[in-house]
PDB file of N, CA and C in Angstrom:
ATOM      1  N   MET A   1       0.843  -1.183   0.000  1.00  0.00           N
ATOM      2  CA  MET A   1       0.000   0.000   0.000  1.00  0.00           C
ATOM      3  C   MET A   1       0.882   1.238   0.000  1.00  0.00           C
ATOM      4  N   LYS A   2       0.377   2.274  -0.669  1.00  0.00           N
ATOM      5  CA  LYS A   2       1.071   3.547  -0.656  1.00  0.00           C
ATOM      6  C   LYS A   2       0.065   4.658  -0.913  1.00  0.00           C
ATOM      7  N   THR A   3       0.425   5.849  -0.497  1.00  0.00           N
ATOM      8  CA  THR A   3      -0.434   6.992  -0.759  1.00  0.00           C
ATOM      9  C   THR A   3      -0.135   7.529  -2.151  1.00  0.00           C
ATOM     10  N   ILE A   4      -1.143   8.114  -2.769  1.00  0.00           N
ATOM     11  CA  ILE A   4      -1.012   8.703  -4.098  1.00  0.00           C
ATOM     12  C   ILE A   4      -1.464  10.155  -4.004  1.00  0.00           C
ATOM     13  N   ASN A   5      -0.627  11.067  -4.473  1.00  0.00           N
ATOM     14  CA  ASN A   5      -0.996  12.475  -4.559  1.00  0.00           C
ATOM     15  C   ASN A   5      -1.437  12.733  -5.992  1.00  0.00           C
ATOM     16  N   LEU A   6      -2.728  12.951  -6.191  1.00  0.00           N
ATOM     17  CA  LEU A   6      -3.271  13.091  -7.548  1.00  0.00           C
ATOM     18  C   LEU A   6      -2.650  14.263  -8.299  1.00  0.00           C
ATOM     19  N   LEU A   7      -2.469  15.387  -7.631  1.00  0.00           N
ATOM     20  CA  LEU A   7      -1.895  16.550  -8.303  1.00  0.00           C
ATOM     21  C   LEU A   7      -0.466  16.264  -8.757  1.00  0.00           C
ATOM     22  N   ASN A   8       0.334  15.628  -7.898  1.00  0.00           N
ATOM     23  CA  ASN A   8       1.693  15.268  -8.302  1.00  0.00           C
ATOM     24  C   ASN A   8       1.683  14.303  -9.481  1.00  0.00           C
ATOM     25  N   GLU A   9       0.792  13.324  -9.439  1.00  0.00           N
ATOM     26  CA  GLU A   9       0.724  12.325 -10.515  1.00  0.00           C
ATOM     27  C   GLU A   9       0.333  12.955 -11.844  1.00  0.00           C
ATOM     28  N   VAL A  10      -0.694  13.795 -11.843  1.00  0.00           N
ATOM     29  CA  VAL A  10      -1.142  14.394 -13.099  1.00  0.00           C
ATOM     30  C   VAL A  10      -0.121  15.415 -13.607  1.00  0.00           C
ATOM     31  N   ASN A  11       0.554  16.107 -12.705  1.00  0.00           N
ATOM     32  CA  ASN A  11       1.593  17.054 -13.132  1.00  0.00           C
ATOM     33  C   ASN A  11       2.807  16.349 -13.712  1.00  0.00           C
ATOM     34  N   ALA A  12       3.036  15.102 -13.333  1.00  0.00           N
ATOM     35  CA  ALA A  12       4.171  14.335 -13.850  1.00  0.00           C
ATOM     36  C   ALA A  12       3.936  13.811 -15.266  1.00  0.00           C
ATOM     37  N   VAL A  13       2.684  13.826 -15.714  1.00  0.00           N
ATOM     38  CA  VAL A  13       2.381  13.378 -17.079  1.00  0.00           C
ATOM     39  C   VAL A  13       2.839  14.490 -18.024  1.00  0.00           C
ATOM     40  N   GLY A  14       3.784  14.184 -18.888  1.00  0.00           N
ATOM     41  CA  GLY A  14       4.437  15.211 -19.691  1.00  0.00           C
ATOM     42  C   GLY A  14       3.676  15.698 -20.908  1.00  0.00           C
ATOM     43  N   LYS A  15       2.624  15.011 -21.292  1.00  0.00           N
ATOM     44  CA  LYS A  15       1.916  15.361 -22.524  1.00  0.00           C
ATOM     45  C   LYS A  15       0.429  15.450 -22.274  1.00  0.00           C
ATOM     46  N   LEU A  16      -0.250  16.138 -23.173  1.00  0.00           N
ATOM     47  CA  LEU A  16      -1.708  16.160 -23.149  1.00  0.00           C
ATOM     48  C   LEU A  16      -2.251  14.821 -23.645  1.00  0.00           C
ATOM     49  N   TYR A  17      -3.426  14.448 -23.157  1.00  0.00           N
ATOM     50  CA  TYR A  17      -4.207  13.308 -23.643  1.00  0.00           C
ATOM     51  C   TYR A  17      -3.586  11.940 -23.365  1.00  0.00           C
ATOM     52  N   VAL A  18      -2.566  11.890 -22.518  1.00  0.00           N
ATOM     53  CA  VAL A  18      -1.951  10.612 -22.149  1.00  0.00           C
ATOM     54  C   VAL A  18      -2.514  10.191 -20.798  1.00  0.00           C
ATOM     55  N   TYR A  19      -3.152   9.042 -20.748  1.00  0.00           N
ATOM     56  CA  TYR A  19      -3.760   8.526 -19.526  1.00  0.00           C
ATOM     57  C   TYR A  19      -2.715   7.739 -18.744  1.00  0.00           C
ATOM     58  N   GLU A  20      -2.411   8.199 -17.549  1.00  0.00           N
ATOM     59  CA  GLU A  20      -1.467   7.507 -16.673  1.00  0.00           C
ATOM     60  C   GLU A  20      -2.264   6.759 -15.613  1.00  0.00           C
ATOM     61  N   LYS A  21      -2.152   5.450 -15.618  1.00  0.00           N
ATOM     62  CA  LYS A  21      -2.874   4.646 -14.638  1.00  0.00           C
ATOM     63  C   LYS A  21      -2.193   4.782 -13.283  1.00  0.00           C
ATOM     64  N   VAL A  22      -2.971   5.196 -12.271  1.00  0.00           N
ATOM     65  CA  VAL A  22      -2.404   5.423 -10.939  1.00  0.00           C
ATOM     66  C   VAL A  22      -2.924   4.441  -9.900  1.00  0.00           C
ATOM     67  N   GLY A  23      -3.871   3.593 -10.265  1.00  0.00           N
ATOM     68  CA  GLY A  23      -4.376   2.611  -9.323  1.00  0.00           C
ATOM     69  C   GLY A  23      -5.452   1.732  -9.911  1.00  0.00           C
ATOM     70  N   ARG A  24      -5.775   0.692  -9.182  1.00  0.00           N
ATOM     71  CA  ARG A  24      -6.855  -0.229  -9.545  1.00  0.00           C
ATOM     72  C   ARG A  24      -7.683  -0.484  -8.294  1.00  0.00           C
ATOM     73  N   LEU A  25      -8.992  -0.608  -8.478  1.00  0.00           N
ATOM     74  CA  LEU A  25      -9.895  -0.795  -7.351  1.00  0.00           C
ATOM     75  C   LEU A  25     -11.079  -1.648  -7.789  1.00  0.00           C
ATOM     76  N   ASN A  26     -11.159  -2.864  -7.301  1.00  0.00           N
ATOM     77  CA  ASN A  26     -12.308  -3.737  -7.578  1.00  0.00           C
ATOM     78  C   ASN A  26     -12.655  -3.820  -9.063  1.00  0.00           C
ATOM     79  N   GLY A  27     -11.655  -4.039  -9.895  1.00  0.00           N
ATOM     80  CA  GLY A  27     -11.888  -4.157 -11.332  1.00  0.00           C
ATOM     81  C   GLY A  27     -11.975  -2.835 -12.062  1.00  0.00           C
ATOM     82  N   ASN A  28     -11.786  -1.732 -11.350  1.00  0.00           N
ATOM     83  CA  ASN A  28     -11.793  -0.406 -11.964  1.00  0.00           C
ATOM     84  C   ASN A  28     -10.371   0.116 -12.105  1.00  0.00           C
ATOM     85  N   VAL A  29     -10.163   0.931 -13.125  1.00  0.00           N
ATOM     86  CA  VAL A  29      -8.877   1.583 -13.359  1.00  0.00           C
ATOM     87  C   VAL A  29      -9.021   3.052 -12.998  1.00  0.00           C
ATOM     88  N   LEU A  30      -8.052   3.566 -12.243  1.00  0.00           N
ATOM     89  CA  LEU A  30      -7.977   4.983 -11.912  1.00  0.00           C
ATOM     90  C   LEU A  30      -6.853   5.572 -12.750  1.00  0.00           C
ATOM     91  N   SER A  31      -7.172   6.577 -13.557  1.00  0.00           N
ATOM     92  CA  SER A  31      -6.192   7.197 -14.443  1.00  0.00           C
ATOM     93  C   SER A  31      -6.246   8.709 -14.285  1.00  0.00           C
ATOM     94  N   VAL A  32      -5.085   9.350 -14.459  1.00  0.00           N
ATOM     95  CA  VAL A  32      -5.037  10.807 -14.512  1.00  0.00           C
ATOM     96  C   VAL A  32      -4.676  11.203 -15.932  1.00  0.00           C
ATOM     97  N   VAL A  33      -5.172  12.387 -16.342  1.00  0.00           N
ATOM     98  CA  VAL A  33      -4.935  12.859 -17.705  1.00  0.00           C
ATOM     99  C   VAL A  33      -5.062  14.379 -17.741  1.00  0.00           C
ATOM    100  N   ASN A  34      -4.244  15.017 -18.571  1.00  0.00           N
ATOM    101  CA  ASN A  34      -4.331  16.451 -18.849  1.00  0.00           C
ATOM    102  C   ASN A  34      -4.988  16.634 -20.212  1.00  0.00           C
ATOM    103  N   VAL A  35      -5.995  17.495 -20.274  1.00  0.00           N
ATOM    104  CA  VAL A  35      -6.737  17.691 -21.519  1.00  0.00           C
ATOM    105  C   VAL A  35      -6.910  19.183 -21.762  1.00  0.00           C
ATOM    106  N   GLU A  36      -6.794  19.588 -23.031  1.00  0.00           N
ATOM    107  CA  GLU A  36      -7.003  20.982 -23.413  1.00  0.00           C
ATOM    108  C   GLU A  36      -7.537  21.032 -24.839  1.00  0.00           C
ATOM    109  N   ASN A  37      -8.487  21.922 -25.089  1.00  0.00           N
ATOM    110  CA  ASN A  37      -9.035  22.126 -26.440  1.00  0.00           C
ATOM    111  C   ASN A  37      -9.415  20.817 -27.116  1.00  0.00           C
ATOM    112  N   ARG A  38     -10.271  20.048 -26.460  1.00  0.00           N
ATOM    113  CA  ARG A  38     -10.677  18.775 -27.053  1.00  0.00           C
ATOM    114  C   ARG A  38     -12.139  18.494 -26.743  1.00  0.00           C
ATOM    115  N   THR A  39     -12.848  18.106 -27.789  1.00  0.00           N
ATOM    116  CA  THR A  39     -14.215  17.614 -27.657  1.00  0.00           C
ATOM    117  C   THR A  39     -14.256  16.268 -28.355  1.00  0.00           C
ATOM    118  N   LEU A  40     -14.500  15.232 -27.587  1.00  0.00           N
ATOM    119  CA  LEU A  40     -14.562  13.895 -28.170  1.00  0.00           C
ATOM    120  C   LEU A  40     -15.917  13.674 -28.829  1.00  0.00           C
ATOM    121  N   ASP A  41     -16.007  12.653 -29.656  1.00  0.00           N
ATOM    122  CA  ASP A  41     -17.277  12.266 -30.252  1.00  0.00           C
ATOM    123  C   ASP A  41     -18.196  11.728 -29.160  1.00  0.00           C
ATOM    124  N   PHE A  42     -19.498  11.848 -29.382  1.00  0.00           N
ATOM    125  CA  PHE A  42     -20.450  11.229 -28.472  1.00  0.00           C
ATOM    126  C   PHE A  42     -20.196   9.725 -28.450  1.00  0.00           C
ATOM    127  N   HIS A  43     -20.323   9.134 -27.277  1.00  0.00           N
ATOM    128  CA  HIS A  43     -20.158   7.691 -27.142  1.00  0.00           C
ATOM    129  C   HIS A  43     -20.931   7.203 -25.921  1.00  0.00           C
ATOM    130  N   VAL A  44     -21.044   5.892 -25.823  1.00  0.00           N
ATOM    131  CA  VAL A  44     -21.789   5.247 -24.738  1.00  0.00           C
ATOM    132  C   VAL A  44     -20.938   4.107 -24.201  1.00  0.00           C
ATOM    133  N   HIS A  45     -20.904   3.970 -22.884  1.00  0.00           N
ATOM    134  CA  HIS A  45     -20.298   2.801 -22.250  1.00  0.00           C
ATOM    135  C   HIS A  45     -21.455   1.919 -21.777  1.00  0.00           C
ATOM    136  N   GLU A  46     -21.650   0.804 -22.442  1.00  0.00           N
ATOM    137  CA  GLU A  46     -22.801  -0.058 -22.176  1.00  0.00           C
ATOM    138  C   GLU A  46     -22.675  -0.859 -20.885  1.00  0.00           C
ATOM    139  N   ASN A  47     -21.425  -1.133 -20.447  1.00  0.00           N
ATOM    140  CA  ASN A  47     -21.234  -2.052 -19.327  1.00  0.00           C
ATOM    141  C   ASN A  47     -20.731  -1.410 -18.047  1.00  0.00           C
ATOM    142  N   SER A  48     -20.530  -0.096 -18.051  1.00  0.00           N
ATOM    143  CA  SER A  48     -19.896   0.508 -16.887  1.00  0.00           C
ATOM    144  C   SER A  48     -20.239   1.980 -16.749  1.00  0.00           C
ATOM    145  N   ASP A  49     -20.385   2.422 -15.499  1.00  0.00           N
ATOM    146  CA  ASP A  49     -20.431   3.849 -15.212  1.00  0.00           C
ATOM    147  C   ASP A  49     -19.023   4.413 -15.419  1.00  0.00           C
ATOM    148  N   GLU A  50     -18.928   5.750 -15.500  1.00  0.00           N
ATOM    149  CA  GLU A  50     -17.635   6.406 -15.655  1.00  0.00           C
ATOM    150  C   GLU A  50     -17.625   7.645 -14.767  1.00  0.00           C
ATOM    151  N   LEU A  51     -16.525   7.851 -14.036  1.00  0.00           N
ATOM    152  CA  LEU A  51     -16.401   9.001 -13.156  1.00  0.00           C
ATOM    153  C   LEU A  51     -15.326   9.943 -13.673  1.00  0.00           C
ATOM    154  N   PHE A  52     -15.663  11.225 -13.754  1.00  0.00           N
ATOM    155  CA  PHE A  52     -14.713  12.292 -14.073  1.00  0.00           C
ATOM    156  C   PHE A  52     -14.568  13.148 -12.816  1.00  0.00           C
ATOM    157  N   TYR A  53     -13.377  13.218 -12.230  1.00  0.00           N
ATOM    158  CA  TYR A  53     -13.100  14.101 -11.102  1.00  0.00           C
ATOM    159  C   TYR A  53     -12.128  15.168 -11.598  1.00  0.00           C
ATOM    160  N   VAL A  54     -12.475  16.444 -11.415  1.00  0.00           N
ATOM    161  CA  VAL A  54     -11.630  17.541 -11.881  1.00  0.00           C
ATOM    162  C   VAL A  54     -10.659  17.922 -10.764  1.00  0.00           C
ATOM    163  N   ILE A  55      -9.382  17.660 -10.999  1.00  0.00           N
ATOM    164  CA  ILE A  55      -8.331  18.016 -10.057  1.00  0.00           C
ATOM    165  C   ILE A  55      -8.050  19.512 -10.145  1.00  0.00           C
ATOM    166  N   GLU A  56      -7.883  20.013 -11.362  1.00  0.00           N
ATOM    167  CA  GLU A  56      -7.695  21.436 -11.647  1.00  0.00           C
ATOM    168  C   GLU A  56      -8.391  21.758 -12.953  1.00  0.00           C
ATOM    169  N   GLY A  57      -8.915  22.978 -13.059  1.00  0.00           N
ATOM    170  CA  GLY A  57      -9.568  23.411 -14.288  1.00  0.00           C
ATOM    171  C   GLY A  57     -11.075  23.223 -14.215  1.00  0.00           C
ATOM    172  N   ALA A  58     -11.681  23.058 -15.379  1.00  0.00           N
ATOM    173  CA  ALA A  58     -13.127  22.881 -15.484  1.00  0.00           C
ATOM    174  C   ALA A  58     -13.442  22.376 -16.888  1.00  0.00           C
ATOM    175  N   PHE A  59     -14.577  21.711 -17.019  1.00  0.00           N
ATOM    176  CA  PHE A  59     -15.037  21.257 -18.333  1.00  0.00           C
ATOM    177  C   PHE A  59     -16.548  21.152 -18.299  1.00  0.00           C
ATOM    178  N   LYS A  60     -17.103  20.818 -19.438  1.00  0.00           N
ATOM    179  CA  LYS A  60     -18.537  20.570 -19.521  1.00  0.00           C
ATOM    180  C   LYS A  60     -18.731  19.159 -20.044  1.00  0.00           C
ATOM    181  N   LEU A  61     -19.657  18.460 -19.430  1.00  0.00           N
ATOM    182  CA  LEU A  61     -20.044  17.144 -19.919  1.00  0.00           C
ATOM    183  C   LEU A  61     -21.316  17.335 -20.717  1.00  0.00           C
ATOM    184  N   GLU A  62     -21.278  16.942 -21.981  1.00  0.00           N
ATOM    185  CA  GLU A  62     -22.455  17.077 -22.822  1.00  0.00           C
ATOM    186  C   GLU A  62     -23.173  15.739 -22.919  1.00  0.00           C
ATOM    187  N   THR A  63     -24.481  15.782 -22.674  1.00  0.00           N
ATOM    188  CA  THR A  63     -25.348  14.613 -22.827  1.00  0.00           C
ATOM    189  C   THR A  63     -26.508  15.027 -23.731  1.00  0.00           C
ATOM    190  N   ASP A  64     -27.428  14.128 -23.963  1.00  0.00           N
ATOM    191  CA  ASP A  64     -28.592  14.460 -24.772  1.00  0.00           C
ATOM    192  C   ASP A  64     -29.456  15.522 -24.104  1.00  0.00           C
ATOM    193  N   GLU A  65     -29.299  15.708 -22.799  1.00  0.00           N
ATOM    194  CA  GLU A  65     -30.058  16.719 -22.062  1.00  0.00           C
ATOM    195  C   GLU A  65     -29.386  18.087 -22.059  1.00  0.00           C
ATOM    196  N   GLY A  66     -28.136  18.185 -22.541  1.00  0.00           N
ATOM    197  CA  GLY A  66     -27.437  19.469 -22.580  1.00  0.00           C
ATOM    198  C   GLY A  66     -26.064  19.397 -21.946  1.00  0.00           C
ATOM    199  N   LEU A  67     -25.526  20.582 -21.607  1.00  0.00           N
ATOM    200  CA  LEU A  67     -24.183  20.703 -21.040  1.00  0.00           C
ATOM    201  C   LEU A  67     -24.250  20.828 -19.526  1.00  0.00           C
ATOM    202  N   ILE A  68     -23.384  20.084 -18.843  1.00  0.00           N
ATOM    203  CA  ILE A  68     -23.303  20.129 -17.385  1.00  0.00           C
ATOM    204  C   ILE A  68     -21.903  20.606 -17.019  1.00  0.00           C
ATOM    205  N   PRO A  69     -21.778  21.783 -16.374  1.00  0.00           N
ATOM    206  CA  PRO A  69     -20.445  22.261 -15.980  1.00  0.00           C
ATOM    207  C   PRO A  69     -19.928  21.472 -14.769  1.00  0.00           C
ATOM    208  N   VAL A  70     -18.623  21.163 -14.812  1.00  0.00           N
ATOM    209  CA  VAL A  70     -17.960  20.468 -13.708  1.00  0.00           C
ATOM    210  C   VAL A  70     -16.663  21.221 -13.427  1.00  0.00           C
ATOM    211  N   ASN A  71     -16.488  21.671 -12.189  1.00  0.00           N
ATOM    212  CA  ASN A  71     -15.359  22.522 -11.816  1.00  0.00           C
ATOM    213  C   ASN A  71     -14.372  21.784 -10.924  1.00  0.00           C
ATOM    214  N   ALA A  72     -13.218  22.421 -10.678  1.00  0.00           N
ATOM    215  CA  ALA A  72     -12.179  21.847  -9.825  1.00  0.00           C
ATOM    216  C   ALA A  72     -12.765  21.433  -8.485  1.00  0.00           C
ATOM    217  N   GLY A  73     -12.389  20.231  -8.045  1.00  0.00           N
ATOM    218  CA  GLY A  73     -12.878  19.705  -6.783  1.00  0.00           C
ATOM    219  C   GLY A  73     -14.210  18.984  -6.895  1.00  0.00           C
ATOM    220  N   GLU A  74     -14.792  18.958  -8.075  1.00  0.00           N
ATOM    221  CA  GLU A  74     -16.079  18.296  -8.291  1.00  0.00           C
ATOM    222  C   GLU A  74     -15.884  17.043  -9.144  1.00  0.00           C
ATOM    223  N   PHE A  75     -16.834  16.129  -9.011  1.00  0.00           N
ATOM    224  CA  PHE A  75     -16.847  14.986  -9.920  1.00  0.00           C
ATOM    225  C   PHE A  75     -18.253  14.760 -10.416  1.00  0.00           C
ATOM    226  N   ILE A  76     -18.324  14.027 -11.520  1.00  0.00           N
ATOM    227  CA  ILE A  76     -19.607  13.647 -12.090  1.00  0.00           C
ATOM    228  C   ILE A  76     -19.506  12.186 -12.513  1.00  0.00           C
ATOM    229  N   ILE A  77     -20.567  11.449 -12.260  1.00  0.00           N
ATOM    230  CA  ILE A  77     -20.632  10.049 -12.662  1.00  0.00           C
ATOM    231  C   ILE A  77     -21.596   9.927 -13.824  1.00  0.00           C
ATOM    232  N   VAL A  78     -21.104   9.357 -14.916  1.00  0.00           N
ATOM    233  CA  VAL A  78     -21.927   9.109 -16.093  1.00  0.00           C
ATOM    234  C   VAL A  78     -22.443   7.679 -15.989  1.00  0.00           C
ATOM    235  N   PRO A  79     -23.750   7.499 -15.812  1.00  0.00           N
ATOM    236  CA  PRO A  79     -24.286   6.140 -15.704  1.00  0.00           C
ATOM    237  C   PRO A  79     -24.092   5.357 -17.004  1.00  0.00           C
ATOM    238  N   LYS A  80     -23.871   4.065 -16.864  1.00  0.00           N
ATOM    239  CA  LYS A  80     -23.716   3.230 -18.064  1.00  0.00           C
ATOM    240  C   LYS A  80     -24.939   3.410 -18.954  1.00  0.00           C
ATOM    241  N   GLY A  81     -24.696   3.342 -20.257  1.00  0.00           N
ATOM    242  CA  GLY A  81     -25.778   3.501 -21.219  1.00  0.00           C
ATOM    243  C   GLY A  81     -26.123   4.943 -21.550  1.00  0.00           C
ATOM    244  N   THR A  82     -25.412   5.913 -20.963  1.00  0.00           N
ATOM    245  CA  THR A  82     -25.693   7.334 -21.203  1.00  0.00           C
ATOM    246  C   THR A  82     -24.798   7.869 -22.312  1.00  0.00           C
ATOM    247  N   ARG A  83     -25.407   8.400 -23.341  1.00  0.00           N
ATOM    248  CA  ARG A  83     -24.664   9.020 -24.448  1.00  0.00           C
ATOM    249  C   ARG A  83     -24.050  10.319 -23.928  1.00  0.00           C
ATOM    250  N   HIS A  84     -22.724  10.487 -24.110  1.00  0.00           N
ATOM    251  CA  HIS A  84     -22.040  11.641 -23.544  1.00  0.00           C
ATOM    252  C   HIS A  84     -20.753  11.955 -24.296  1.00  0.00           C
ATOM    253  N   ARG A  85     -20.218  13.140 -23.993  1.00  0.00           N
ATOM    254  CA  ARG A  85     -18.881  13.492 -24.450  1.00  0.00           C
ATOM    255  C   ARG A  85     -18.373  14.648 -23.595  1.00  0.00           C
ATOM    256  N   PRO A  86     -17.081  14.624 -23.262  1.00  0.00           N
ATOM    257  CA  PRO A  86     -16.496  15.748 -22.551  1.00  0.00           C
ATOM    258  C   PRO A  86     -16.167  16.881 -23.516  1.00  0.00           C
ATOM    259  N   VAL A  87     -16.415  18.102 -23.071  1.00  0.00           N
ATOM    260  CA  VAL A  87     -16.091  19.304 -23.843  1.00  0.00           C
ATOM    261  C   VAL A  87     -15.103  20.101 -22.988  1.00  0.00           C
ATOM    262  N   VAL A  88     -13.842  20.137 -23.415  1.00  0.00           N
ATOM    263  CA  VAL A  88     -12.783  20.776 -22.633  1.00  0.00           C
ATOM    264  C   VAL A  88     -12.178  21.900 -23.456  1.00  0.00           C
ATOM    265  N   GLU A  89     -12.228  23.112 -22.925  1.00  0.00           N
ATOM    266  CA  GLU A  89     -11.645  24.259 -23.614  1.00  0.00           C
ATOM    267  C   GLU A  89     -10.255  24.579 -23.064  1.00  0.00           C
ATOM    268  N   LYS A  90     -10.158  24.900 -21.783  1.00  0.00           N
ATOM    269  CA  LYS A  90      -8.880  25.250 -21.166  1.00  0.00           C
ATOM    270  C   LYS A  90      -8.288  24.026 -20.488  1.00  0.00           C
ATOM    271  N   LEU A  91      -6.976  24.092 -20.228  1.00  0.00           N
ATOM    272  CA  LEU A  91      -6.288  22.963 -19.601  1.00  0.00           C
ATOM    273  C   LEU A  91      -7.032  22.498 -18.353  1.00  0.00           C
ATOM    274  N   THR A  92      -7.356  21.213 -18.330  1.00  0.00           N
ATOM    275  CA  THR A  92      -8.053  20.607 -17.197  1.00  0.00           C
ATOM    276  C   THR A  92      -7.358  19.294 -16.865  1.00  0.00           C
ATOM    277  N   LYS A  93      -7.195  19.062 -15.559  1.00  0.00           N
ATOM    278  CA  LYS A  93      -6.525  17.869 -15.059  1.00  0.00           C
ATOM    279  C   LYS A  93      -7.571  16.981 -14.396  1.00  0.00           C
ATOM    280  N   PHE A  94      -7.638  15.734 -14.840  1.00  0.00           N
ATOM    281  CA  PHE A  94      -8.693  14.807 -14.427  1.00  0.00           C
ATOM    282  C   PHE A  94      -8.147  13.584 -13.713  1.00  0.00           C
ATOM    283  N   LEU A  95      -8.983  13.046 -12.825  1.00  0.00           N
ATOM    284  CA  LEU A  95      -8.905  11.657 -12.403  1.00  0.00           C
ATOM    285  C   LEU A  95     -10.110  10.993 -13.033  1.00  0.00           C
ATOM    286  N   MET A  96      -9.896   9.868 -13.697  1.00  0.00           N
ATOM    287  CA  MET A  96     -10.984   9.119 -14.321  1.00  0.00           C
ATOM    288  C   MET A  96     -11.031   7.741 -13.664  1.00  0.00           C
ATOM    289  N   ILE A  97     -12.243   7.284 -13.390  1.00  0.00           N
ATOM    290  CA  ILE A  97     -12.425   5.943 -12.824  1.00  0.00           C
ATOM    291  C   ILE A  97     -13.462   5.222 -13.669  1.00  0.00           C
ATOM    292  N   GLU A  98     -13.062   4.058 -14.184  1.00  0.00           N
ATOM    293  CA  GLU A  98     -13.989   3.247 -14.970  1.00  0.00           C
ATOM    294  C   GLU A  98     -13.567   1.795 -14.931  1.00  0.00           C
ATOM    295  N   LEU A  99     -14.503   0.933 -15.244  1.00  0.00           N
ATOM    296  CA  LEU A  99     -14.255  -0.500 -15.297  1.00  0.00           C
ATOM    297  C   LEU A  99     -13.116  -0.778 -16.269  1.00  0.00           C
ATOM    298  N   ASP A 100     -12.193  -1.628 -15.866  1.00  0.00           N
ATOM    299  CA  ASP A 100     -11.074  -1.994 -16.732  1.00  0.00           C
ATOM    300  C   ASP A 100     -11.599  -2.415 -18.097  1.00  0.00           C
ATOM    301  N   GLY A 101     -11.040  -1.858 -19.158  1.00  0.00           N
ATOM    302  CA  GLY A 101     -11.459  -2.176 -20.519  1.00  0.00           C
ATOM    303  C   GLY A 101     -12.482  -1.217 -21.093  1.00  0.00           C
ATOM    304  N   THR A 102     -12.983  -0.264 -20.273  1.00  0.00           N
ATOM    305  CA  THR A 102     -13.989   0.688 -20.768  1.00  0.00           C
ATOM    306  C   THR A 102     -13.374   1.683 -21.737  1.00  0.00           C
ATOM    307  N   LEU A 103     -12.226   2.250 -21.378  1.00  0.00           N
ATOM    308  CA  LEU A 103     -11.582   3.229 -22.258  1.00  0.00           C
ATOM    309  C   LEU A 103     -10.800   2.519 -23.338  1.00  0.00           C
ATOM    310  N   ASN A 104     -10.795   3.118 -24.522  1.00  0.00           N
ATOM    311  CA  ASN A 104     -10.007   2.626 -25.642  1.00  0.00           C
ATOM    312  C   ASN A 104      -9.718   3.794 -26.579  1.00  0.00           C
ATOM    313  N   LYS A 105      -8.969   3.554 -27.630  1.00  0.00           N
ATOM    314  CA  LYS A 105      -8.590   4.630 -28.554  1.00  0.00           C
ATOM    315  C   LYS A 105      -9.799   5.280 -29.223  1.00  0.00           C
ATOM    316  N   GLU A 106     -10.865   4.541 -29.413  1.00  0.00           N
ATOM    317  CA  GLU A 106     -12.040   5.078 -30.090  1.00  0.00           C
ATOM    318  C   GLU A 106     -12.802   6.090 -29.245  1.00  0.00           C
ATOM    319  N   ASN A 107     -12.840   5.903 -27.913  1.00  0.00           N
ATOM    320  CA  ASN A 107     -13.633   6.801 -27.099  1.00  0.00           C
ATOM    321  C   ASN A 107     -12.810   7.731 -26.204  1.00  0.00           C
ATOM    322  N   SER A 108     -11.472   7.650 -26.300  1.00  0.00           N
ATOM    323  CA  SER A 108     -10.661   8.536 -25.463  1.00  0.00           C
ATOM    324  C   SER A 108      -9.492   9.171 -26.199  1.00  0.00           C
ATOM    325  N   GLY A 109      -9.334   8.868 -27.463  1.00  0.00           N
ATOM    326  CA  GLY A 109      -8.276   9.498 -28.248  1.00  0.00           C
ATOM    327  C   GLY A 109      -7.169   8.542 -28.626  1.00  0.00           C
ATOM    328  N   ASP A 110      -6.417   8.921 -29.628  1.00  0.00           N
ATOM    329  CA  ASP A 110      -5.395   8.048 -30.207  1.00  0.00           C
ATOM    330  C   ASP A 110      -4.241   7.718 -29.279  1.00  0.00           C
ATOM    331  N   LEU A 111      -4.007   8.508 -28.226  1.00  0.00           N
ATOM    332  CA  LEU A 111      -2.865   8.275 -27.355  1.00  0.00           C
ATOM    333  C   LEU A 111      -3.156   7.327 -26.216  1.00  0.00           C
ATOM    334  N   TYR A 112      -4.380   6.811 -26.120  1.00  0.00           N
ATOM    335  CA  TYR A 112      -4.695   5.874 -25.040  1.00  0.00           C
ATOM    336  C   TYR A 112      -3.960   4.570 -25.238  1.00  0.00           C
ATOM    337  N   GLU A 113      -3.368   4.068 -24.153  1.00  0.00           N
ATOM    338  CA  GLU A 113      -2.664   2.774 -24.195  1.00  0.00           C
ATOM    339  C   GLU A 113      -3.213   1.875 -23.111  1.00  0.00           C
ATOM    340  N   ASP A 114      -3.409   0.593 -23.460  1.00  0.00           N
ATOM    341  CA  ASP A 114      -3.869  -0.386 -22.462  1.00  0.00           C
ATOM    342  C   ASP A 114      -2.734  -0.754 -21.533  1.00  0.00           C
TER     343      ASP A 114
END
């Protein structure tokens, strides 16, 4: 066991859009990522909820119901089966939690690595 400082971990990631896995919990992967000026395509995770926690910055989560702002220190859980996409304008640092195998290059960008 060891402690993890999320801000230190996300600051150590040298590039945008690179997901650094920082832990595993009951079949879930915890990853940190820096994102700026990116809007992904709408997508759905059929088998798993997804959590976005904003370490620094802010973004909007777009669903069929509209845009939901999420600010530093806040998180939002996207229920499985919900059509969504993150809309990020300014640099935002995230912790993401999802079932192992949920993220892939198609729904998180070309730099995602298993």
